[in-house]
Amino acid sequence: MRTKLSILAAIVAVGALGAGIAQAASAGSHHAAKVAAAPTRASAQVLFAVVGKKGALNRGLGVASANVQQGGTAGRYTVFFKRGVRKCAYEATIGTTGFTGVPPVGEVGVVAFAGHKAAVFVRTTDSTGNPEYLPFHLVVSCPPL
C-alpha cells in the first residue's frame, strides 16, 4: 500500500510541476512567443597563436606578436593581435609548437590584457599549480568588425 501511495504522490507532484512550468511560461502574455531564427552561417572571426615556452610566436593568424612578461613570476605571457579582442572569447590549451610529440602536462588560463585592447594575458602552470614556462595554443573568436 505504501508503494502505491508513493507512486501516486510522485505522479501528482510531476503533474503539478508541469502545470506550474506551463503557467510560468505563459505568465503575463497570451500571445505566441516569437523565436529568433538560428544563424545560417558562422559570423565569427577566428584568430590564433601557437607560442613556445620562451614566448616566441611559432605560427598564428591575425596575431602581431607574443612574448614572456619579464621579471616576476614564470609562465606569464602576452599575445598581441592585429585587431581589438575585448569583445571576443579566449580559449587556450597547453601544447607543443611542433606537429608531433607529446605535449607537456600543465594548466593554462587566459584573460584580456589590462591596458591594451588588442592583447590577451596567458598564464601557464604545472599540474600542481606552480608557475611554469609552457608552450600553448591560443584561439580567439571575435564578432566581425
Protein backbone atom coordinates (compact mmCIF):
# COMPACT_ATOMS: atom_id res chain seq x y z
CA MET A 1 0.00 0.00 0.00
CA ARG A 2 2.87 2.40 0.83
CA THR A 3 4.45 1.83 -2.56
CA LYS A 4 1.18 2.64 -4.36
CA LEU A 5 0.81 5.86 -2.32
CA SER A 6 4.43 6.85 -3.07
CA ILE A 7 3.91 6.31 -6.80
CA LEU A 8 0.64 8.25 -6.71
CA ALA A 9 2.31 11.11 -4.81
CA ALA A 10 5.13 11.21 -7.40
CA ILE A 11 2.64 11.35 -10.29
CA VAL A 12 0.69 14.18 -8.63
CA ALA A 13 3.93 16.10 -7.93
CA VAL A 14 5.13 15.76 -11.53
CA GLY A 15 1.73 16.88 -12.82
CA ALA A 16 1.72 19.92 -10.53
CA LEU A 17 5.28 20.77 -11.56
CA GLY A 18 4.35 20.55 -15.23
CA ALA A 19 1.33 22.77 -14.72
CA GLY A 20 3.47 25.29 -12.82
CA ILE A 21 6.06 25.39 -15.59
CA ALA A 22 3.37 25.88 -18.23
CA GLN A 23 1.77 28.67 -16.21
CA ALA A 24 5.13 30.38 -15.65
CA ALA A 25 5.96 30.16 -19.34
CA SER A 26 2.74 31.89 -20.33
CA ALA A 27 2.59 34.33 -17.40
CA GLY A 28 1.65 37.84 -18.40
CA SER A 29 1.23 37.05 -22.07
CA HIS A 30 -1.40 35.27 -24.06
CA HIS A 31 0.44 35.78 -27.34
CA ALA A 32 2.64 33.21 -29.00
CA ALA A 33 6.29 33.74 -28.19
CA LYS A 34 8.49 34.84 -31.07
CA VAL A 35 11.52 32.62 -31.54
CA ALA A 36 14.65 34.08 -33.11
CA ALA A 37 15.88 32.22 -36.16
CA ALA A 38 19.16 30.40 -35.78
CA PRO A 39 22.01 31.85 -37.82
CA THR A 40 22.57 30.03 -41.09
CA ARG A 41 26.32 30.62 -41.15
CA ALA A 42 29.10 31.38 -38.71
CA SER A 43 29.78 35.05 -38.23
CA ALA A 44 32.90 34.95 -36.07
CA GLN A 45 36.45 35.91 -36.97
CA VAL A 46 38.86 33.32 -35.62
CA LEU A 47 42.39 34.33 -34.64
CA PHE A 48 45.05 32.04 -33.19
CA ALA A 49 48.60 31.88 -31.86
CA VAL A 50 50.96 28.98 -31.13
CA VAL A 51 53.56 30.18 -28.65
CA GLY A 52 56.71 28.46 -27.39
CA LYS A 53 57.69 28.28 -23.73
CA LYS A 54 60.18 31.15 -24.19
CA GLY A 55 57.42 33.37 -25.63
CA ALA A 56 58.34 33.08 -29.30
CA LEU A 57 55.44 33.13 -31.74
CA ASN A 58 55.64 29.88 -33.72
CA ARG A 59 52.67 30.46 -36.01
CA GLY A 60 49.35 32.25 -35.97
CA LEU A 61 46.57 34.07 -37.76
CA GLY A 62 45.81 37.73 -37.09
CA VAL A 63 48.48 37.83 -34.39
CA ALA A 64 51.07 40.62 -34.22
CA SER A 65 53.46 39.25 -31.57
CA ALA A 66 53.87 37.22 -28.41
CA ASN A 67 56.29 37.49 -25.52
CA VAL A 68 57.08 36.40 -21.99
CA GLN A 69 56.44 39.06 -19.38
CA GLN A 70 59.86 39.86 -17.93
CA GLY A 71 60.53 39.91 -14.21
CA GLY A 72 58.42 38.37 -11.55
CA THR A 73 56.67 35.04 -11.90
CA ALA A 74 57.31 32.37 -14.55
CA GLY A 75 54.63 31.36 -17.04
CA ARG A 76 53.20 34.81 -17.80
CA TYR A 77 52.78 35.72 -21.45
CA THR A 78 51.20 38.46 -23.54
CA VAL A 79 49.85 37.83 -27.05
CA PHE A 80 49.11 40.89 -29.20
CA PHE A 81 46.66 40.70 -32.10
CA LYS A 82 46.18 42.93 -35.15
CA ARG A 83 42.66 43.91 -34.03
CA GLY A 84 40.85 44.60 -30.77
CA VAL A 85 39.91 41.44 -28.86
CA ARG A 86 37.99 42.80 -25.86
CA LYS A 87 34.60 41.59 -27.17
CA CYS A 88 35.96 38.16 -28.04
CA ALA A 89 36.11 34.72 -26.43
CA TYR A 90 39.51 33.24 -25.49
CA GLU A 91 40.41 29.55 -25.32
CA ALA A 92 43.88 28.12 -24.66
CA THR A 93 45.49 24.75 -24.14
CA ILE A 94 48.97 23.54 -23.31
CA GLY A 95 50.53 22.09 -26.47
CA THR A 96 53.73 21.64 -28.42
CA THR A 97 54.82 24.09 -31.10
CA GLY A 98 55.62 21.22 -33.45
CA PHE A 99 53.36 18.85 -35.30
CA THR A 100 54.31 15.67 -33.42
CA GLY A 101 55.27 14.65 -29.92
CA VAL A 102 53.62 14.59 -26.54
CA PRO A 103 52.56 17.93 -25.03
CA PRO A 104 53.73 18.80 -21.52
CA VAL A 105 51.34 18.43 -18.61
CA GLY A 106 50.03 21.66 -17.16
CA GLU A 107 47.26 24.20 -16.96
CA VAL A 108 46.60 27.49 -18.71
CA GLY A 109 44.40 30.49 -18.01
CA VAL A 110 43.53 33.46 -20.24
CA VAL A 111 42.04 36.92 -19.77
CA ALA A 112 42.00 40.24 -21.64
CA PHE A 113 45.27 42.10 -21.07
CA ALA A 114 44.66 45.20 -18.94
CA GLY A 115 45.65 48.38 -20.70
CA HIS A 116 45.70 47.09 -24.29
CA LYS A 117 42.56 46.37 -26.30
CA ALA A 118 44.33 44.02 -28.75
CA ALA A 119 46.13 41.78 -26.27
CA VAL A 120 45.47 38.65 -24.21
CA PHE A 121 47.27 37.69 -21.00
CA VAL A 122 48.10 33.99 -20.68
CA ARG A 123 49.29 32.23 -17.52
CA THR A 124 50.71 28.69 -17.52
CA THR A 125 51.33 26.43 -14.53
CA ASP A 126 52.39 22.86 -13.94
CA SER A 127 49.72 20.34 -12.89
CA THR A 128 50.14 21.29 -9.22
CA GLY A 129 49.52 24.99 -9.87
CA ASN A 130 53.12 26.21 -9.69
CA PRO A 131 54.04 28.83 -12.33
CA GLU A 132 55.90 27.20 -15.24
CA TYR A 133 57.04 28.25 -18.70
CA LEU A 134 54.97 26.03 -21.05
CA PRO A 135 54.11 26.22 -24.76
CA PHE A 136 50.46 26.85 -25.57
CA HIS A 137 47.88 27.27 -28.31
CA LEU A 138 45.51 30.25 -28.04
CA VAL A 139 42.30 30.65 -30.07
CA VAL A 140 40.35 33.91 -30.03
CA SER A 141 36.85 34.04 -31.56
CA CYS A 142 35.54 37.52 -32.28
CA PRO A 143 32.45 39.11 -33.77
CA PRO A 144 33.09 40.59 -37.22
CA LEU A 145 34.46 44.13 -37.35
